[in-house]
Amino acid sequence: MVKHKITGCERYSEIMQKAEHAGSRKVLIAYFSWSGNTRSIAKEIQRLTNGDLFEIVCEIPYSSDYSTVLKEARRDLENQARPKLATRVKNMEQYDTVILGYPLWWGTIPMPVASFLEEYDFAGKKIIPFCSHGGGGLGRSLSDIAKLAPDAVIGEALAVRYSGEPSLVEKISEWLSRNGIRVKK
């Protein structure tokens, strides 16, 4: 007898059906921000969704000096460092969807985001990424997220330039809707 292997998509669909019947679809907006750009987007997403907001914070913060933080971020990437986090999500299992925000550093996620992804079981959860960037778009961040959370369903991502974009709130609202997230009117 051949058993059918349950895929991440099927697991997510099953979880969503149960959540719909229970009337609860818990959304977590988890983000890492160095300069505040990603934090601003995360707060707008929280305003639009009423999701729970969670900031990924390192025990030992990165430098506040731009030139220094570039060196620190590159060093951590090259070493595949996993900075220890000062914050932890209580009851991660209650969330069906995690909207994950980060600045694009050296073409991918910052290493604190890798630490975050390795701390929890994302099996059957939907991860919806968004990043702030200076011109690199999403880089290779989506494939790196998929490697760190192989049993999650990765939703459509959003990339926002550091300088902001015209009608950003509308762009965020449309992106959330395309990902099946209800947006407040």
N, C-alpha and C. Protein backbone atom coordinates (compact mmCIF):
# COMPACT_ATOMS: atom_id res chain seq x y z
N MET A 1 0.85 -1.17 0.00
CA MET A 1 0.00 0.00 0.00
C MET A 1 0.89 1.24 0.00
N VAL A 2 0.64 2.16 -0.92
CA VAL A 2 1.40 3.40 -1.01
C VAL A 2 0.66 4.49 -0.26
N LYS A 3 1.34 5.08 0.67
CA LYS A 3 0.73 6.18 1.41
C LYS A 3 1.01 7.48 0.70
N HIS A 4 0.06 8.38 0.74
CA HIS A 4 0.20 9.70 0.12
C HIS A 4 0.94 10.61 1.09
N LYS A 5 2.04 11.19 0.63
CA LYS A 5 2.80 12.14 1.46
C LYS A 5 2.07 13.48 1.44
N ILE A 6 1.84 14.03 2.61
CA ILE A 6 1.16 15.32 2.73
C ILE A 6 2.16 16.42 2.44
N THR A 7 1.84 17.25 1.48
CA THR A 7 2.73 18.36 1.13
C THR A 7 2.43 19.56 2.01
N GLY A 8 3.36 20.53 2.00
CA GLY A 8 3.16 21.77 2.75
C GLY A 8 1.88 22.46 2.34
N CYS A 9 1.58 22.47 1.03
CA CYS A 9 0.37 23.14 0.53
C CYS A 9 -0.88 22.45 1.07
N GLU A 10 -0.89 21.10 1.04
CA GLU A 10 -2.05 20.38 1.55
C GLU A 10 -2.22 20.60 3.05
N ARG A 11 -1.11 20.60 3.78
CA ARG A 11 -1.16 20.82 5.22
C ARG A 11 -1.71 22.22 5.51
N TYR A 12 -1.25 23.21 4.75
CA TYR A 12 -1.72 24.57 4.94
C TYR A 12 -3.21 24.66 4.64
N SER A 13 -3.65 24.02 3.57
CA SER A 13 -5.07 24.04 3.19
C SER A 13 -5.92 23.42 4.29
N GLU A 14 -5.45 22.31 4.84
CA GLU A 14 -6.16 21.65 5.93
C GLU A 14 -6.25 22.56 7.17
N ILE A 15 -5.14 23.21 7.51
CA ILE A 15 -5.11 24.13 8.66
C ILE A 15 -6.08 25.28 8.43
N MET A 16 -6.08 25.82 7.21
CA MET A 16 -6.95 26.96 6.90
C MET A 16 -8.43 26.57 6.99
N GLN A 17 -8.77 25.37 6.54
CA GLN A 17 -10.16 24.92 6.62
C GLN A 17 -10.59 24.81 8.09
N LYS A 18 -9.72 24.26 8.92
CA LYS A 18 -10.04 24.16 10.34
C LYS A 18 -10.16 25.54 10.97
N ALA A 19 -9.27 26.44 10.59
CA ALA A 19 -9.30 27.80 11.15
C ALA A 19 -10.56 28.54 10.71
N GLU A 20 -10.97 28.35 9.46
CA GLU A 20 -12.19 29.00 8.97
C GLU A 20 -13.39 28.54 9.79
N HIS A 21 -13.44 27.22 10.08
CA HIS A 21 -14.56 26.69 10.86
C HIS A 21 -14.52 27.22 12.30
N ALA A 22 -13.33 27.40 12.80
CA ALA A 22 -13.19 27.91 14.17
C ALA A 22 -13.33 29.42 14.22
N GLY A 23 -13.33 30.07 13.06
CA GLY A 23 -13.49 31.52 13.01
C GLY A 23 -12.22 32.28 13.35
N SER A 24 -11.08 31.59 13.35
CA SER A 24 -9.84 32.29 13.70
C SER A 24 -8.75 32.00 12.68
N ARG A 25 -8.20 33.04 12.15
CA ARG A 25 -7.02 32.93 11.29
C ARG A 25 -6.01 33.89 11.88
N LYS A 26 -5.13 33.37 12.70
CA LYS A 26 -4.17 34.20 13.40
C LYS A 26 -3.00 34.56 12.48
N VAL A 27 -2.71 35.85 12.44
CA VAL A 27 -1.63 36.36 11.61
C VAL A 27 -0.59 37.01 12.52
N LEU A 28 0.67 36.64 12.29
CA LEU A 28 1.80 37.25 12.98
C LEU A 28 2.60 38.05 11.95
N ILE A 29 2.91 39.28 12.27
CA ILE A 29 3.80 40.10 11.44
C ILE A 29 5.12 40.15 12.19
N ALA A 30 6.07 39.35 11.73
CA ALA A 30 7.40 39.28 12.36
C ALA A 30 8.37 40.01 11.45
N TYR A 31 9.19 40.88 12.03
CA TYR A 31 10.09 41.66 11.19
C TYR A 31 11.40 41.95 11.90
N PHE A 32 12.44 42.12 11.10
CA PHE A 32 13.73 42.61 11.57
C PHE A 32 13.97 43.93 10.85
N SER A 33 14.35 44.95 11.60
CA SER A 33 14.59 46.27 11.00
C SER A 33 15.82 46.89 11.62
N TRP A 34 16.69 47.41 10.78
CA TRP A 34 17.88 48.10 11.28
C TRP A 34 17.65 49.61 11.31
N SER A 35 17.19 50.18 10.20
CA SER A 35 17.06 51.64 10.10
C SER A 35 15.65 52.15 10.37
N GLY A 36 14.68 51.26 10.37
CA GLY A 36 13.29 51.67 10.59
C GLY A 36 12.42 51.55 9.36
N ASN A 37 13.00 51.35 8.18
CA ASN A 37 12.19 51.21 6.96
C ASN A 37 11.27 50.00 7.04
N THR A 38 11.83 48.86 7.38
CA THR A 38 11.02 47.64 7.46
C THR A 38 10.01 47.75 8.60
N ARG A 39 10.40 48.36 9.71
CA ARG A 39 9.48 48.55 10.84
C ARG A 39 8.25 49.36 10.41
N SER A 40 8.46 50.41 9.63
CA SER A 40 7.34 51.25 9.16
C SER A 40 6.37 50.44 8.31
N ILE A 41 6.90 49.61 7.43
CA ILE A 41 6.04 48.77 6.59
C ILE A 41 5.29 47.76 7.46
N ALA A 42 5.99 47.16 8.42
CA ALA A 42 5.36 46.18 9.31
C ALA A 42 4.20 46.82 10.09
N LYS A 43 4.42 48.03 10.57
CA LYS A 43 3.36 48.72 11.32
C LYS A 43 2.16 49.04 10.44
N GLU A 44 2.41 49.36 9.19
CA GLU A 44 1.30 49.60 8.25
C GLU A 44 0.53 48.31 8.00
N ILE A 45 1.25 47.21 7.84
CA ILE A 45 0.60 45.91 7.65
C ILE A 45 -0.23 45.57 8.89
N GLN A 46 0.31 45.83 10.07
CA GLN A 46 -0.43 45.56 11.30
C GLN A 46 -1.70 46.40 11.37
N ARG A 47 -1.60 47.66 10.97
CA ARG A 47 -2.77 48.54 10.96
C ARG A 47 -3.85 48.01 10.01
N LEU A 48 -3.43 47.50 8.88
CA LEU A 48 -4.37 47.02 7.87
C LEU A 48 -4.97 45.65 8.20
N THR A 49 -4.28 44.86 9.01
CA THR A 49 -4.71 43.48 9.23
C THR A 49 -5.13 43.16 10.67
N ASN A 50 -4.75 43.98 11.62
CA ASN A 50 -4.94 43.66 13.04
C ASN A 50 -4.15 42.42 13.46
N GLY A 51 -3.15 42.04 12.68
CA GLY A 51 -2.29 40.93 13.07
C GLY A 51 -1.43 41.33 14.26
N ASP A 52 -0.82 40.33 14.87
CA ASP A 52 0.08 40.58 16.00
C ASP A 52 1.45 40.97 15.47
N LEU A 53 2.03 42.00 16.06
CA LEU A 53 3.32 42.53 15.63
C LEU A 53 4.43 41.98 16.52
N PHE A 54 5.52 41.51 15.90
CA PHE A 54 6.65 40.96 16.64
C PHE A 54 7.95 41.42 15.99
N GLU A 55 8.80 42.08 16.77
CA GLU A 55 10.09 42.52 16.24
C GLU A 55 11.17 41.51 16.59
N ILE A 56 11.91 41.08 15.58
CA ILE A 56 13.05 40.20 15.75
C ILE A 56 14.22 41.08 16.21
N VAL A 57 14.69 40.84 17.43
CA VAL A 57 15.72 41.68 18.03
C VAL A 57 16.90 40.81 18.43
N CYS A 58 18.10 41.24 18.09
CA CYS A 58 19.33 40.52 18.45
C CYS A 58 19.71 40.83 19.89
N GLU A 59 20.26 39.83 20.57
CA GLU A 59 20.80 40.07 21.91
C GLU A 59 21.91 41.12 21.85
N ILE A 60 22.78 40.97 20.86
CA ILE A 60 23.85 41.95 20.66
C ILE A 60 23.50 42.71 19.38
N PRO A 61 23.06 43.95 19.50
CA PRO A 61 22.61 44.70 18.32
C PRO A 61 23.74 45.00 17.35
N TYR A 62 23.34 45.18 16.11
CA TYR A 62 24.28 45.64 15.09
C TYR A 62 24.61 47.10 15.37
N SER A 63 25.71 47.55 14.82
CA SER A 63 26.15 48.94 14.97
C SER A 63 25.10 49.88 14.40
N SER A 64 25.02 51.07 14.94
CA SER A 64 24.12 52.09 14.40
C SER A 64 24.80 52.88 13.27
N ASP A 65 26.07 52.64 13.05
CA ASP A 65 26.82 53.29 11.98
C ASP A 65 26.66 52.47 10.69
N TYR A 66 26.24 53.14 9.61
CA TYR A 66 25.93 52.45 8.36
C TYR A 66 27.13 51.67 7.81
N SER A 67 28.29 52.28 7.74
CA SER A 67 29.48 51.60 7.20
C SER A 67 29.83 50.37 8.03
N THR A 68 29.72 50.51 9.33
CA THR A 68 30.04 49.39 10.22
C THR A 68 29.03 48.27 10.09
N VAL A 69 27.75 48.60 10.01
CA VAL A 69 26.72 47.55 9.91
C VAL A 69 26.87 46.79 8.60
N LEU A 70 27.29 47.45 7.53
CA LEU A 70 27.53 46.74 6.28
C LEU A 70 28.60 45.66 6.46
N LYS A 71 29.66 46.01 7.16
CA LYS A 71 30.74 45.04 7.42
C LYS A 71 30.25 43.91 8.33
N GLU A 72 29.49 44.26 9.35
CA GLU A 72 28.98 43.25 10.27
C GLU A 72 28.03 42.28 9.55
N ALA A 73 27.16 42.83 8.71
CA ALA A 73 26.19 42.01 7.99
C ALA A 73 26.91 41.08 7.00
N ARG A 74 27.91 41.59 6.32
CA ARG A 74 28.67 40.76 5.38
C ARG A 74 29.41 39.65 6.12
N ARG A 75 30.04 39.99 7.25
CA ARG A 75 30.75 39.00 8.06
C ARG A 75 29.80 37.89 8.49
N ASP A 76 28.61 38.28 9.00
CA ASP A 76 27.65 37.28 9.46
C ASP A 76 27.16 36.39 8.32
N LEU A 77 26.95 36.98 7.15
CA LEU A 77 26.52 36.20 5.99
C LEU A 77 27.60 35.22 5.57
N GLU A 78 28.82 35.70 5.44
CA GLU A 78 29.93 34.83 5.03
C GLU A 78 30.15 33.68 6.00
N ASN A 79 29.94 33.93 7.28
CA ASN A 79 30.11 32.90 8.31
C ASN A 79 28.84 32.09 8.56
N GLN A 80 27.75 32.46 7.86
CA GLN A 80 26.44 31.84 8.11
C GLN A 80 26.12 31.85 9.61
N ALA A 81 26.41 33.00 10.22
CA ALA A 81 26.19 33.19 11.65
C ALA A 81 24.69 33.14 11.96
N ARG A 82 24.39 32.75 13.16
CA ARG A 82 23.02 32.78 13.65
C ARG A 82 23.04 33.58 14.95
N PRO A 83 22.88 34.90 14.82
CA PRO A 83 22.89 35.74 16.03
C PRO A 83 21.82 35.29 17.02
N LYS A 84 22.18 35.32 18.27
CA LYS A 84 21.22 34.97 19.32
C LYS A 84 20.17 36.07 19.41
N LEU A 85 18.91 35.66 19.50
CA LEU A 85 17.82 36.62 19.55
C LEU A 85 17.40 36.92 20.98
N ALA A 86 17.04 38.18 21.22
CA ALA A 86 16.61 38.63 22.54
C ALA A 86 15.11 38.46 22.72
N THR A 87 14.39 38.26 21.63
CA THR A 87 12.93 38.15 21.69
C THR A 87 12.50 36.78 21.21
N ARG A 88 11.35 36.35 21.67
CA ARG A 88 10.81 35.04 21.30
C ARG A 88 9.29 35.14 21.20
N VAL A 89 8.72 34.49 20.19
CA VAL A 89 7.27 34.45 20.02
C VAL A 89 6.71 33.42 20.99
N LYS A 90 5.75 33.86 21.79
CA LYS A 90 5.07 32.93 22.68
C LYS A 90 3.93 32.29 21.88
N ASN A 91 3.81 31.00 21.99
CA ASN A 91 2.71 30.27 21.33
C ASN A 91 2.71 30.43 19.82
N MET A 92 3.84 30.20 19.17
CA MET A 92 3.92 30.28 17.71
C MET A 92 2.89 29.38 17.04
N GLU A 93 2.54 28.28 17.69
CA GLU A 93 1.60 27.33 17.10
C GLU A 93 0.22 27.95 16.84
N GLN A 94 -0.11 29.06 17.48
CA GLN A 94 -1.42 29.67 17.27
C GLN A 94 -1.52 30.42 15.94
N TYR A 95 -0.39 30.66 15.29
CA TYR A 95 -0.40 31.44 14.05
C TYR A 95 -0.44 30.53 12.82
N ASP A 96 -1.37 30.83 11.93
CA ASP A 96 -1.50 30.11 10.67
C ASP A 96 -0.62 30.75 9.60
N THR A 97 -0.47 32.07 9.71
CA THR A 97 0.24 32.85 8.70
C THR A 97 1.26 33.74 9.40
N VAL A 98 2.47 33.78 8.83
CA VAL A 98 3.51 34.66 9.33
C VAL A 98 3.93 35.57 8.18
N ILE A 99 3.67 36.85 8.35
CA ILE A 99 4.12 37.85 7.38
C ILE A 99 5.51 38.26 7.87
N LEU A 100 6.52 37.98 7.06
CA LEU A 100 7.92 38.10 7.48
C LEU A 100 8.62 39.24 6.76
N GLY A 101 9.06 40.24 7.54
CA GLY A 101 9.71 41.41 6.96
C GLY A 101 11.17 41.53 7.32
N TYR A 102 11.94 42.10 6.37
CA TYR A 102 13.38 42.23 6.55
C TYR A 102 13.94 43.20 5.52
N PRO A 103 15.07 43.83 5.84
CA PRO A 103 15.78 44.58 4.81
C PRO A 103 16.60 43.58 3.99
N LEU A 104 16.80 43.86 2.73
CA LEU A 104 17.65 43.00 1.91
C LEU A 104 19.10 43.38 2.19
N TRP A 105 19.85 42.45 2.76
CA TRP A 105 21.26 42.68 3.09
C TRP A 105 22.11 41.73 2.26
N TRP A 106 22.98 42.28 1.47
CA TRP A 106 23.89 41.49 0.64
C TRP A 106 23.13 40.47 -0.20
N GLY A 107 21.99 40.89 -0.71
CA GLY A 107 21.22 40.07 -1.63
C GLY A 107 20.33 39.02 -1.01
N THR A 108 20.18 39.03 0.32
CA THR A 108 19.36 38.01 0.96
C THR A 108 18.84 38.51 2.32
N ILE A 109 18.31 37.59 3.10
CA ILE A 109 17.81 37.93 4.43
C ILE A 109 18.98 38.20 5.38
N PRO A 110 18.78 39.10 6.34
CA PRO A 110 19.79 39.26 7.39
C PRO A 110 19.85 37.99 8.25
N MET A 111 20.99 37.72 8.80
CA MET A 111 21.17 36.49 9.59
C MET A 111 20.26 36.40 10.82
N PRO A 112 19.84 37.50 11.44
CA PRO A 112 18.85 37.35 12.52
C PRO A 112 17.54 36.75 12.03
N VAL A 113 17.18 36.98 10.77
CA VAL A 113 15.97 36.37 10.21
C VAL A 113 16.18 34.87 10.05
N ALA A 114 17.40 34.47 9.67
CA ALA A 114 17.72 33.04 9.60
C ALA A 114 17.60 32.41 10.99
N SER A 115 18.10 33.11 12.00
CA SER A 115 17.96 32.62 13.38
C SER A 115 16.49 32.41 13.73
N PHE A 116 15.67 33.40 13.39
CA PHE A 116 14.23 33.33 13.66
C PHE A 116 13.59 32.13 12.97
N LEU A 117 13.91 31.94 11.69
CA LEU A 117 13.32 30.83 10.93
C LEU A 117 13.73 29.47 11.46
N GLU A 118 14.93 29.38 12.02
CA GLU A 118 15.40 28.10 12.56
C GLU A 118 14.87 27.82 13.97
N GLU A 119 14.33 28.81 14.64
CA GLU A 119 13.84 28.62 16.01
C GLU A 119 12.46 27.98 16.10
N TYR A 120 11.69 27.99 15.03
CA TYR A 120 10.30 27.55 15.08
C TYR A 120 10.02 26.51 14.01
N ASP A 121 8.94 25.79 14.21
CA ASP A 121 8.46 24.83 13.22
C ASP A 121 7.40 25.53 12.36
N PHE A 122 7.72 25.71 11.10
CA PHE A 122 6.80 26.38 10.18
C PHE A 122 6.01 25.40 9.32
N ALA A 123 6.04 24.13 9.65
CA ALA A 123 5.33 23.12 8.87
C ALA A 123 3.85 23.48 8.77
N GLY A 124 3.36 23.57 7.56
CA GLY A 124 1.95 23.86 7.33
C GLY A 124 1.56 25.31 7.48
N LYS A 125 2.48 26.17 7.87
CA LYS A 125 2.18 27.60 8.00
C LYS A 125 2.46 28.28 6.66
N LYS A 126 1.84 29.41 6.47
CA LYS A 126 2.11 30.21 5.29
C LYS A 126 3.02 31.36 5.71
N ILE A 127 4.14 31.51 5.02
CA ILE A 127 5.05 32.62 5.24
C ILE A 127 4.90 33.56 4.05
N ILE A 128 4.57 34.82 4.34
CA ILE A 128 4.40 35.83 3.30
C ILE A 128 5.51 36.86 3.50
N PRO A 129 6.55 36.81 2.66
CA PRO A 129 7.69 37.71 2.86
C PRO A 129 7.48 39.11 2.30
N PHE A 130 8.11 40.08 2.97
CA PHE A 130 8.24 41.42 2.39
C PHE A 130 9.60 41.96 2.78
N CYS A 131 10.18 42.74 1.87
CA CYS A 131 11.49 43.30 2.19
C CYS A 131 11.57 44.75 1.75
N SER A 132 12.43 45.47 2.43
CA SER A 132 12.79 46.82 2.02
C SER A 132 14.18 46.69 1.39
N HIS A 133 14.42 47.47 0.34
CA HIS A 133 15.69 47.33 -0.38
C HIS A 133 16.09 48.64 -1.02
N GLY A 134 17.35 48.72 -1.38
CA GLY A 134 17.87 49.92 -2.03
C GLY A 134 18.01 49.77 -3.53
N GLY A 135 17.49 48.71 -4.09
CA GLY A 135 17.56 48.50 -5.53
C GLY A 135 17.74 47.04 -5.91
N GLY A 136 17.91 46.17 -4.91
CA GLY A 136 18.16 44.75 -5.18
C GLY A 136 16.91 43.89 -5.24
N GLY A 137 15.74 44.51 -5.09
CA GLY A 137 14.51 43.72 -5.11
C GLY A 137 14.51 42.68 -4.01
N LEU A 138 14.09 41.47 -4.35
CA LEU A 138 14.04 40.38 -3.38
C LEU A 138 15.34 39.59 -3.32
N GLY A 139 16.25 39.85 -4.29
CA GLY A 139 17.50 39.11 -4.32
C GLY A 139 17.23 37.62 -4.30
N ARG A 140 18.00 36.88 -3.53
CA ARG A 140 17.79 35.43 -3.39
C ARG A 140 17.10 35.10 -2.06
N SER A 141 16.48 36.11 -1.46
CA SER A 141 15.88 35.93 -0.13
C SER A 141 14.78 34.86 -0.11
N LEU A 142 13.99 34.76 -1.17
CA LEU A 142 12.89 33.79 -1.16
C LEU A 142 13.41 32.35 -1.15
N SER A 143 14.43 32.08 -1.93
CA SER A 143 14.98 30.71 -1.93
C SER A 143 15.65 30.41 -0.59
N ASP A 144 16.27 31.42 0.02
CA ASP A 144 16.89 31.20 1.32
C ASP A 144 15.84 30.95 2.41
N ILE A 145 14.72 31.66 2.35
CA ILE A 145 13.62 31.42 3.29
C ILE A 145 13.08 30.00 3.10
N ALA A 146 12.88 29.61 1.84
CA ALA A 146 12.34 28.27 1.55
C ALA A 146 13.28 27.17 2.06
N LYS A 147 14.58 27.38 2.00
CA LYS A 147 15.53 26.39 2.52
C LYS A 147 15.44 26.28 4.04
N LEU A 148 15.22 27.41 4.71
CA LEU A 148 15.17 27.42 6.17
C LEU A 148 13.81 26.98 6.73
N ALA A 149 12.77 27.06 5.91
CA ALA A 149 11.42 26.65 6.33
C ALA A 149 10.83 25.77 5.23
N PRO A 150 11.42 24.58 5.00
CA PRO A 150 11.04 23.77 3.85
C PRO A 150 9.61 23.23 3.87
N ASP A 151 8.99 23.16 5.04
CA ASP A 151 7.63 22.63 5.12
C ASP A 151 6.57 23.72 5.18
N ALA A 152 6.99 24.97 4.98
CA ALA A 152 6.04 26.09 4.95
C ALA A 152 5.61 26.34 3.51
N VAL A 153 4.50 27.01 3.39
CA VAL A 153 4.04 27.49 2.09
C VAL A 153 4.50 28.93 1.99
N ILE A 154 5.22 29.26 0.94
CA ILE A 154 5.72 30.62 0.76
C ILE A 154 4.74 31.37 -0.13
N GLY A 155 4.19 32.46 0.39
CA GLY A 155 3.24 33.27 -0.37
C GLY A 155 3.94 34.24 -1.31
N GLU A 156 3.15 35.03 -1.99
CA GLU A 156 3.68 36.06 -2.89
C GLU A 156 4.40 37.12 -2.07
N ALA A 157 5.61 37.46 -2.47
CA ALA A 157 6.43 38.42 -1.73
C ALA A 157 6.21 39.84 -2.23
N LEU A 158 6.60 40.79 -1.39
CA LEU A 158 6.54 42.22 -1.71
C LEU A 158 7.90 42.83 -1.46
N ALA A 159 8.40 43.60 -2.42
CA ALA A 159 9.66 44.32 -2.27
C ALA A 159 9.37 45.81 -2.35
N VAL A 160 9.87 46.57 -1.38
CA VAL A 160 9.63 48.01 -1.30
C VAL A 160 10.97 48.73 -1.26
N ARG A 161 11.17 49.70 -2.13
CA ARG A 161 12.42 50.48 -2.13
C ARG A 161 12.52 51.32 -0.86
N TYR A 162 13.75 51.49 -0.35
CA TYR A 162 13.97 52.28 0.87
C TYR A 162 13.35 53.67 0.77
N SER A 163 13.41 54.26 -0.39
CA SER A 163 12.92 55.63 -0.55
C SER A 163 11.41 55.72 -0.50
N GLY A 164 10.74 54.58 -0.39
CA GLY A 164 9.29 54.57 -0.38
C GLY A 164 8.75 54.54 -1.80
N GLU A 165 7.48 54.40 -1.92
CA GLU A 165 6.86 54.32 -3.23
C GLU A 165 5.54 55.06 -3.17
N PRO A 166 5.14 55.65 -4.31
CA PRO A 166 3.83 56.30 -4.32
C PRO A 166 2.74 55.25 -4.08
N SER A 167 1.73 55.64 -3.41
CA SER A 167 0.57 54.78 -3.07
C SER A 167 1.00 53.45 -2.44
N LEU A 168 1.94 53.53 -1.50
CA LEU A 168 2.44 52.33 -0.83
C LEU A 168 1.33 51.60 -0.07
N VAL A 169 0.45 52.32 0.59
CA VAL A 169 -0.62 51.68 1.35
C VAL A 169 -1.51 50.87 0.41
N GLU A 170 -1.81 51.41 -0.75
CA GLU A 170 -2.62 50.68 -1.74
C GLU A 170 -1.88 49.43 -2.22
N LYS A 171 -0.59 49.58 -2.47
CA LYS A 171 0.22 48.44 -2.92
C LYS A 171 0.25 47.34 -1.87
N ILE A 172 0.40 47.72 -0.61
CA ILE A 172 0.41 46.75 0.49
C ILE A 172 -0.96 46.07 0.60
N SER A 173 -2.02 46.85 0.52
CA SER A 173 -3.39 46.30 0.61
C SER A 173 -3.65 45.27 -0.49
N GLU A 174 -3.26 45.61 -1.71
CA GLU A 174 -3.46 44.68 -2.83
C GLU A 174 -2.65 43.41 -2.65
N TRP A 175 -1.40 43.57 -2.20
CA TRP A 175 -0.53 42.42 -1.97
C TRP A 175 -1.11 41.50 -0.88
N LEU A 176 -1.59 42.08 0.22
CA LEU A 176 -2.20 41.28 1.27
C LEU A 176 -3.41 40.53 0.75
N SER A 177 -4.25 41.20 -0.02
CA SER A 177 -5.45 40.56 -0.58
C SER A 177 -5.08 39.40 -1.50
N ARG A 178 -4.05 39.59 -2.33
CA ARG A 178 -3.61 38.51 -3.22
C ARG A 178 -3.12 37.30 -2.43
N ASN A 179 -2.67 37.54 -1.21
CA ASN A 179 -2.20 36.45 -0.35
C ASN A 179 -3.30 35.90 0.56
N GLY A 180 -4.53 36.36 0.35
CA GLY A 180 -5.65 35.83 1.12
C GLY A 180 -5.81 36.42 2.50
N ILE A 181 -5.21 37.59 2.74
CA ILE A 181 -5.30 38.26 4.04
C ILE A 181 -6.37 39.34 3.95
N ARG A 182 -7.32 39.30 4.86
CA ARG A 182 -8.35 40.33 4.90
C ARG A 182 -7.76 41.65 5.34
N VAL A 183 -8.15 42.70 4.64
CA VAL A 183 -7.64 44.04 4.93
C VAL A 183 -8.78 44.89 5.48
N LYS A 184 -8.48 45.63 6.55
CA LYS A 184 -9.48 46.53 7.13
C LYS A 184 -9.78 47.64 6.12
N LYS A 185 -10.99 48.05 6.11
CA LYS A 185 -11.41 49.17 5.23
C LYS A 185 -11.19 50.47 5.92
